[in-house]
Amino acid sequence: MAKIVLGMVASHGPLLGTPPELWTGRVQADINNPALEFRGKQYNFTQLTELRAPENFGPQIELPVRQKRFDACQKAIAELERVFAEVKPDVVVMLGNDQQEIMGDDNQPAVMVYYGERLDNVPFSDEQKKLLGPGVELAEPNHHPKVAKTYPGHPALGLHLIEKMMEQNFDVAVSSVMPERKQSRLTGIPHAFGFYYQRVMGDNAPPCVPVFTNTFYPPNRPGGRRCYDMGVALAKAIQDWDKDLRVAILGSGGMTHFVVDEKFDRDFLEAFADRDPTKLLAFPDNYYRSGNSELKNWIPTKSAMDSVGLKMTLVDYQPLYRSIAGTGSGMGFAYWR
């Protein structure tokens, strides 16, 4: 029988691949955004600056502070890479989301299991680069190689997960070929998955089954409880697999962004570490909007790990602020083994 031997969650935002002295290049995009999400409400940049003035972000956006926190994140990612190499799982189930990179309004499944034979990680073309937002191309090495690479999928495990998830009342969408969206800024796997290949697993990555959850786009975003139950179902499905292989589950994304809410991040981490999910599932669903929503890739990772009794180690949490309005990204990293 298959055995779950490792779990990981990691933030994957562009600031992790952007030199701290260049973080302000993204601020204009924050200023232009009329719907910055913060604690279940939307604000423009001026409103958010006024609301959060008592938090005094000025000292936190000074370059020495940015550099210190950036360096701490690199150290945390290196620790995940070390642990992954040490455990050396035979196969990976990766939980991530798509940001209209391969799917769109014409087809947006709540949950999709990919059971194809290959995963292509492709750098941006010159034409695609013209469509990118500020700072995205700069951080491309965080998610994409310099030249296209192909990694193995695991069709047998993918089909097994689909069958067993269906038996547990998860009517998942499926695909054996990675979808391609005509209007996309990307070819190949989305950045949520590319991050683990580039920064944690490296060129010797084992076969992988990607599981996509629609965390961003209404009207069919699964709630926190549904994501928690999905992790339990995934763990059971993996343990029911009649192969003597060691499996890792990796959750990608989060924490709060594009507005950093350090209090929520720390409250989430405290609840996240508790084996009792009551506090974790009590957070309002409207806190999981925009980039914050990627924490819904963490929740099923946690419930799967709790199901098999692995112990969580929090590697680090760093709030990366880039403006006086508190915009930026909260970055968290943890593993179970």
Protein backbone atom coordinates (compact mmCIF):
# COMPACT_ATOMS: atom_id res chain seq x y z
CA MET A 1 0.00 0.00 0.00
CA ALA A 2 1.14 3.56 -0.71
CA LYS A 3 2.36 5.63 2.20
CA ILE A 4 2.26 9.40 2.65
CA VAL A 5 5.70 10.39 3.93
CA LEU A 6 5.88 14.14 3.40
CA GLY A 7 3.76 17.25 3.20
CA MET A 8 4.73 20.82 2.37
CA VAL A 9 3.11 24.23 1.99
CA ALA A 10 4.92 27.20 0.50
CA SER A 11 4.14 30.68 -0.73
CA HIS A 12 5.18 31.29 -4.32
CA GLY A 13 4.70 35.02 -4.98
CA PRO A 14 6.85 37.09 -7.38
CA LEU A 15 8.57 38.97 -4.54
CA LEU A 16 10.44 35.75 -3.74
CA GLY A 17 12.23 36.09 -7.06
CA THR A 18 12.52 39.90 -7.15
CA PRO A 19 15.53 41.73 -5.66
CA PRO A 20 14.24 43.83 -2.72
CA GLU A 21 15.46 47.08 -4.25
CA LEU A 22 13.01 46.48 -7.13
CA TRP A 23 9.89 45.66 -5.10
CA THR A 24 8.54 49.19 -5.56
CA GLY A 25 8.16 48.47 -9.27
CA ARG A 26 4.90 46.74 -8.41
CA VAL A 27 3.48 49.65 -6.36
CA GLN A 28 1.99 51.41 -9.39
CA ALA A 29 -0.10 48.32 -10.07
CA ASP A 30 -1.32 48.51 -6.46
CA ILE A 31 -2.22 52.18 -6.94
CA ASN A 32 -4.13 51.32 -10.13
CA ASN A 33 -6.10 48.52 -8.44
CA PRO A 34 -9.52 49.80 -7.30
CA ALA A 35 -10.36 46.55 -5.48
CA LEU A 36 -7.57 45.72 -3.05
CA GLU A 37 -8.90 42.98 -0.74
CA PHE A 38 -8.48 43.39 3.03
CA ARG A 39 -10.45 41.46 5.65
CA GLY A 40 -13.43 40.77 3.45
CA LYS A 41 -13.76 44.27 1.97
CA GLN A 42 -12.38 46.10 -1.04
CA TYR A 43 -10.45 49.37 -1.01
CA ASN A 44 -8.54 51.54 -3.41
CA PHE A 45 -4.95 52.45 -2.59
CA THR A 46 -5.76 55.81 -1.00
CA GLN A 47 -8.50 54.34 1.18
CA LEU A 48 -6.24 51.50 2.29
CA THR A 49 -3.41 53.90 3.09
CA GLU A 50 -5.71 55.96 5.31
CA LEU A 51 -7.26 52.90 6.96
CA ARG A 52 -3.89 51.36 7.83
CA ALA A 53 -1.99 54.54 8.70
CA PRO A 54 -1.82 53.58 12.42
CA GLU A 55 0.23 50.49 11.45
CA ASN A 56 3.04 52.78 10.24
CA PHE A 57 4.47 50.75 7.37
CA GLY A 58 7.16 53.33 6.59
CA PRO A 59 9.92 51.59 8.58
CA GLN A 60 8.87 48.19 7.19
CA ILE A 61 9.41 49.20 3.58
CA GLU A 62 12.95 50.47 4.14
CA LEU A 63 15.43 48.53 2.00
CA PRO A 64 17.41 46.94 4.88
CA VAL A 65 14.18 45.46 6.29
CA ARG A 66 13.07 44.25 2.87
CA GLN A 67 16.47 42.63 2.32
CA LYS A 68 16.45 40.90 5.71
CA ARG A 69 13.02 39.42 5.12
CA PHE A 70 13.84 38.43 1.54
CA ASP A 71 16.96 36.61 2.75
CA ALA A 72 14.93 34.80 5.42
CA CYS A 73 12.54 33.56 2.73
CA GLN A 74 15.41 32.24 0.60
CA LYS A 75 16.72 30.37 3.64
CA ALA A 76 13.26 28.89 4.26
CA ILE A 77 12.93 27.72 0.64
CA ALA A 78 16.39 26.15 0.84
CA GLU A 79 15.23 24.25 3.92
CA LEU A 80 12.22 22.88 2.03
CA GLU A 81 14.54 21.86 -0.79
CA ARG A 82 16.82 20.09 1.69
CA VAL A 83 13.94 18.23 3.35
CA PHE A 84 12.46 17.18 0.00
CA ALA A 85 15.83 15.81 -1.17
CA GLU A 86 16.32 13.99 2.12
CA VAL A 87 12.89 12.32 2.10
CA LYS A 88 13.07 11.65 -1.66
CA PRO A 89 9.43 10.62 -2.27
CA ASP A 90 8.59 8.35 -5.20
CA VAL A 91 5.64 10.41 -6.41
CA VAL A 92 4.08 13.80 -5.68
CA VAL A 93 0.49 15.01 -5.50
CA MET A 94 0.61 18.80 -5.91
CA LEU A 95 -2.26 21.07 -4.88
CA GLY A 96 -2.39 24.39 -6.71
CA ASN A 97 -4.66 26.84 -8.47
CA ASP A 98 -4.89 28.38 -11.90
CA GLN A 99 -5.08 32.16 -12.46
CA GLN A 100 -6.70 31.94 -15.88
CA GLU A 101 -3.41 30.62 -17.22
CA ILE A 102 -4.87 27.41 -18.65
CA MET A 103 -8.59 27.80 -17.86
CA GLY A 104 -11.14 30.60 -18.17
CA ASP A 105 -14.82 31.47 -17.99
CA ASP A 106 -15.60 28.96 -20.73
CA ASN A 107 -14.39 26.13 -18.48
CA GLN A 108 -13.60 26.71 -14.81
CA PRO A 109 -13.86 23.50 -12.75
CA ALA A 110 -14.05 23.75 -8.98
CA VAL A 111 -11.60 20.84 -8.67
CA MET A 112 -9.68 19.13 -11.46
CA VAL A 113 -7.30 16.17 -11.37
CA TYR A 114 -4.74 15.99 -14.16
CA TYR A 115 -3.76 12.45 -15.12
CA GLY A 116 -1.60 13.09 -18.16
CA GLU A 117 1.77 11.57 -18.89
CA ARG A 118 3.75 14.81 -19.06
CA LEU A 119 4.03 18.24 -17.47
CA ASP A 120 5.65 20.94 -19.58
CA ASN A 121 7.22 23.95 -17.88
CA VAL A 122 7.74 26.59 -20.55
CA PRO A 123 9.31 30.07 -20.26
CA PHE A 124 7.39 33.07 -21.53
CA SER A 125 7.66 33.83 -25.22
CA ASP A 126 8.45 37.39 -26.36
CA GLU A 127 4.79 37.87 -27.22
CA GLN A 128 3.63 36.58 -23.86
CA LYS A 129 6.05 38.86 -22.04
CA LYS A 130 4.26 41.86 -23.55
CA LEU A 131 1.08 40.81 -21.74
CA LEU A 132 2.63 40.43 -18.29
CA GLY A 133 1.95 42.65 -15.31
CA PRO A 134 4.68 44.70 -13.62
CA GLY A 135 7.38 42.60 -12.00
CA VAL A 136 6.17 39.24 -13.31
CA GLU A 137 8.87 38.75 -15.95
CA LEU A 138 11.54 39.74 -13.44
CA ALA A 139 10.48 36.89 -11.15
CA GLU A 140 10.13 34.33 -13.96
CA PRO A 141 13.08 32.17 -12.76
CA ASN A 142 11.00 31.51 -9.64
CA HIS A 143 8.48 29.58 -11.75
CA HIS A 144 9.91 28.77 -15.19
CA PRO A 145 13.24 27.46 -16.54
CA LYS A 146 15.32 29.29 -19.14
CA VAL A 147 14.45 26.61 -21.69
CA ALA A 148 11.36 24.42 -21.77
CA LYS A 149 11.47 21.27 -19.68
CA THR A 150 9.17 18.28 -19.47
CA TYR A 151 8.51 16.39 -16.25
CA PRO A 152 6.69 13.07 -15.82
CA GLY A 153 3.10 12.83 -14.75
CA HIS A 154 1.67 9.70 -13.14
CA PRO A 155 -1.45 8.57 -15.05
CA ALA A 156 -1.98 5.45 -12.91
CA LEU A 157 -2.11 7.39 -9.65
CA GLY A 158 -4.14 10.15 -11.28
CA LEU A 159 -6.80 7.68 -12.43
CA HIS A 160 -6.79 6.02 -9.02
CA LEU A 161 -7.33 9.37 -7.27
CA ILE A 162 -10.17 10.22 -9.64
CA GLU A 163 -11.91 6.91 -8.98
CA LYS A 164 -11.50 7.10 -5.21
CA MET A 165 -12.45 10.77 -5.00
CA MET A 166 -15.64 10.02 -6.91
CA GLU A 167 -16.40 7.24 -4.46
CA GLN A 168 -16.09 9.82 -1.65
CA ASN A 169 -18.57 12.22 -3.31
CA PHE A 170 -16.04 14.54 -4.96
CA ASP A 171 -17.25 14.86 -8.54
CA VAL A 172 -13.92 16.06 -9.90
CA ALA A 173 -13.24 17.35 -13.38
CA VAL A 174 -10.44 15.53 -15.19
CA SER A 175 -7.95 16.11 -17.97
CA SER A 176 -5.27 13.94 -19.55
CA VAL A 177 -3.96 16.87 -21.62
CA MET A 178 -3.01 20.18 -20.02
CA PRO A 179 -5.63 22.71 -21.17
CA GLU A 180 -4.52 25.69 -23.24
CA ARG A 181 -6.30 29.04 -23.02
CA LYS A 182 -6.08 31.18 -26.16
CA GLN A 183 -5.81 34.46 -24.25
CA SER A 184 -3.24 33.10 -21.79
CA ARG A 185 0.08 34.65 -20.85
CA LEU A 186 1.45 31.13 -20.40
CA THR A 187 2.14 27.84 -22.15
CA GLY A 188 2.39 24.71 -20.02
CA ILE A 189 1.86 24.36 -16.28
CA PRO A 190 0.71 27.36 -14.19
CA HIS A 191 3.16 29.17 -11.93
CA ALA A 192 1.70 27.59 -8.76
CA PHE A 193 3.17 24.28 -9.91
CA GLY A 194 6.24 25.68 -11.62
CA PHE A 195 7.42 27.16 -8.32
CA TYR A 196 7.92 23.74 -6.73
CA TYR A 197 9.81 22.49 -9.78
CA GLN A 198 12.08 25.52 -9.87
CA ARG A 199 12.72 26.11 -6.20
CA VAL A 200 12.11 22.87 -4.28
CA MET A 201 12.13 19.70 -6.41
CA GLY A 202 14.72 20.59 -9.05
CA ASP A 203 15.51 18.66 -12.20
CA ASN A 204 15.18 15.26 -10.53
CA ALA A 205 11.52 15.74 -9.67
CA PRO A 206 9.53 12.52 -9.27
CA PRO A 207 6.32 11.87 -11.22
CA CYS A 208 3.54 14.24 -10.22
CA VAL A 209 -0.27 14.39 -10.19
CA PRO A 210 -1.47 18.02 -10.14
CA VAL A 211 -4.78 18.75 -8.44
CA PHE A 212 -6.29 22.13 -9.35
CA THR A 213 -8.68 23.97 -7.03
CA ASN A 214 -10.50 27.09 -8.22
CA THR A 215 -9.64 29.38 -5.33
CA PHE A 216 -9.89 32.71 -7.20
CA TYR A 217 -12.94 32.89 -9.40
CA PRO A 218 -16.65 32.93 -8.49
CA PRO A 219 -19.19 31.46 -8.65
CA ASN A 220 -17.82 27.95 -7.95
CA ARG A 221 -15.03 28.44 -5.40
CA PRO A 222 -14.99 25.59 -2.86
CA GLY A 223 -15.32 26.73 0.75
CA GLY A 224 -12.85 26.07 3.54
CA ARG A 225 -14.74 23.03 4.85
CA ARG A 226 -14.93 21.50 1.39
CA CYS A 227 -11.18 21.98 0.94
CA TYR A 228 -10.54 20.40 4.33
CA ASP A 229 -12.69 17.39 3.45
CA MET A 230 -10.92 17.11 0.10
CA GLY A 231 -7.59 16.64 1.88
CA VAL A 232 -9.05 13.86 4.01
CA ALA A 233 -10.43 12.18 0.88
CA LEU A 234 -7.10 12.51 -0.93
CA ALA A 235 -5.21 10.96 1.98
CA LYS A 236 -7.62 8.02 2.05
CA ALA A 237 -7.38 7.57 -1.72
CA ILE A 238 -3.57 7.56 -1.63
CA GLN A 239 -3.48 5.07 1.22
CA ASP A 240 -5.88 2.83 -0.73
CA TRP A 241 -3.49 2.70 -3.69
CA ASP A 242 -2.08 -0.81 -4.01
CA LYS A 243 1.45 0.31 -4.86
CA ASP A 244 4.40 0.19 -2.48
CA LEU A 245 5.38 3.81 -3.10
CA ARG A 246 6.13 6.81 -0.89
CA VAL A 247 4.00 9.86 -1.63
CA ALA A 248 4.42 13.58 -0.91
CA ILE A 249 1.59 16.15 -0.92
CA LEU A 250 2.61 19.72 -1.73
CA GLY A 251 0.34 22.76 -1.33
CA SER A 252 1.25 25.92 -3.25
CA GLY A 253 0.40 29.59 -2.68
CA GLY A 254 -0.61 32.11 -0.03
CA MET A 255 -0.34 33.75 2.38
CA THR A 256 -2.18 37.10 2.34
CA HIS A 257 -1.59 39.14 -0.82
CA PHE A 258 -1.79 41.49 -2.58
CA VAL A 259 -2.44 43.22 0.73
CA VAL A 260 -0.48 41.82 3.65
CA ASP A 261 -2.63 41.09 6.72
CA GLU A 262 -0.04 40.01 9.23
CA LYS A 263 -2.60 39.46 11.99
CA PHE A 264 -4.68 37.13 9.85
CA ASP A 265 -1.58 35.29 8.63
CA ARG A 266 -0.40 34.67 12.19
CA ASP A 267 -3.89 33.73 13.39
CA PHE A 268 -4.17 31.35 10.45
CA LEU A 269 -0.81 29.74 11.21
CA GLU A 270 -1.78 29.25 14.86
CA ALA A 271 -5.03 27.57 13.87
CA PHE A 272 -3.27 25.69 11.08
CA ALA A 273 -0.90 24.02 13.53
CA ASP A 274 -3.77 22.79 15.73
CA ARG A 275 -4.90 19.24 15.03
CA ASP A 276 -8.44 20.36 15.89
CA PRO A 277 -9.69 22.17 12.75
CA THR A 278 -12.42 24.15 14.54
CA LYS A 279 -10.54 27.48 14.63
CA LEU A 280 -9.17 27.03 11.13
CA LEU A 281 -12.62 26.48 9.65
CA ALA A 282 -14.11 29.40 11.58
CA PHE A 283 -12.42 32.09 9.49
CA PRO A 284 -14.96 33.94 7.28
CA ASP A 285 -14.85 32.75 3.69
CA ASN A 286 -14.64 36.35 2.47
CA TYR A 287 -11.14 36.50 4.00
CA TYR A 288 -10.09 34.01 1.29
CA ARG A 289 -10.27 36.33 -1.69
CA SER A 290 -7.72 37.44 -4.26
CA GLY A 291 -4.27 36.00 -3.44
CA ASN A 292 -5.39 35.06 0.07
CA SER A 293 -7.54 32.41 -1.56
CA GLU A 294 -4.48 30.27 -2.26
CA LEU A 295 -4.53 29.29 1.40
CA LYS A 296 -7.24 26.91 0.25
CA ASN A 297 -4.37 24.85 -1.22
CA TRP A 298 -2.88 24.72 2.28
CA ILE A 299 -6.05 23.54 4.00
CA PRO A 300 -6.33 20.14 2.20
CA THR A 301 -2.60 19.60 2.66
CA LYS A 302 -3.02 20.05 6.40
CA SER A 303 -6.06 17.78 6.67
CA ALA A 304 -4.27 15.07 4.69
CA MET A 305 -1.26 15.31 7.00
CA ASP A 306 -3.46 15.22 10.11
CA SER A 307 -5.18 12.14 8.69
CA VAL A 308 -1.90 10.23 8.60
CA GLY A 309 -0.46 11.66 11.83
CA LEU A 310 2.55 13.55 10.49
CA LYS A 311 3.95 16.41 12.58
CA MET A 312 4.10 19.96 11.22
CA THR A 313 7.24 22.08 11.37
CA LEU A 314 6.80 25.80 10.64
CA VAL A 315 9.98 26.85 8.86
CA ASP A 316 9.26 30.59 8.72
CA TYR A 317 6.78 33.37 8.13
CA GLN A 318 7.77 36.76 6.74
CA PRO A 319 5.54 39.75 5.87
CA LEU A 320 6.99 41.37 2.73
CA TYR A 321 5.65 44.93 2.55
CA ARG A 322 6.25 47.12 -0.47
CA SER A 323 4.12 50.23 0.18
CA ILE A 324 2.69 52.52 2.87
CA ALA A 325 -0.71 50.91 2.24
CA GLY A 326 0.59 47.53 3.39
CA THR A 327 0.54 45.97 -0.06
CA GLY A 328 2.89 43.08 -0.72
CA SER A 329 2.84 39.40 0.23
CA GLY A 330 2.82 37.36 3.40
CA MET A 331 5.18 34.43 2.87
CA GLY A 332 4.90 31.18 4.82
CA PHE A 333 6.71 27.84 4.64
CA ALA A 334 6.08 24.59 6.52
CA TYR A 335 6.48 20.83 6.18
CA TRP A 336 5.29 17.57 7.76
CA ARG A 337 7.29 14.37 7.95
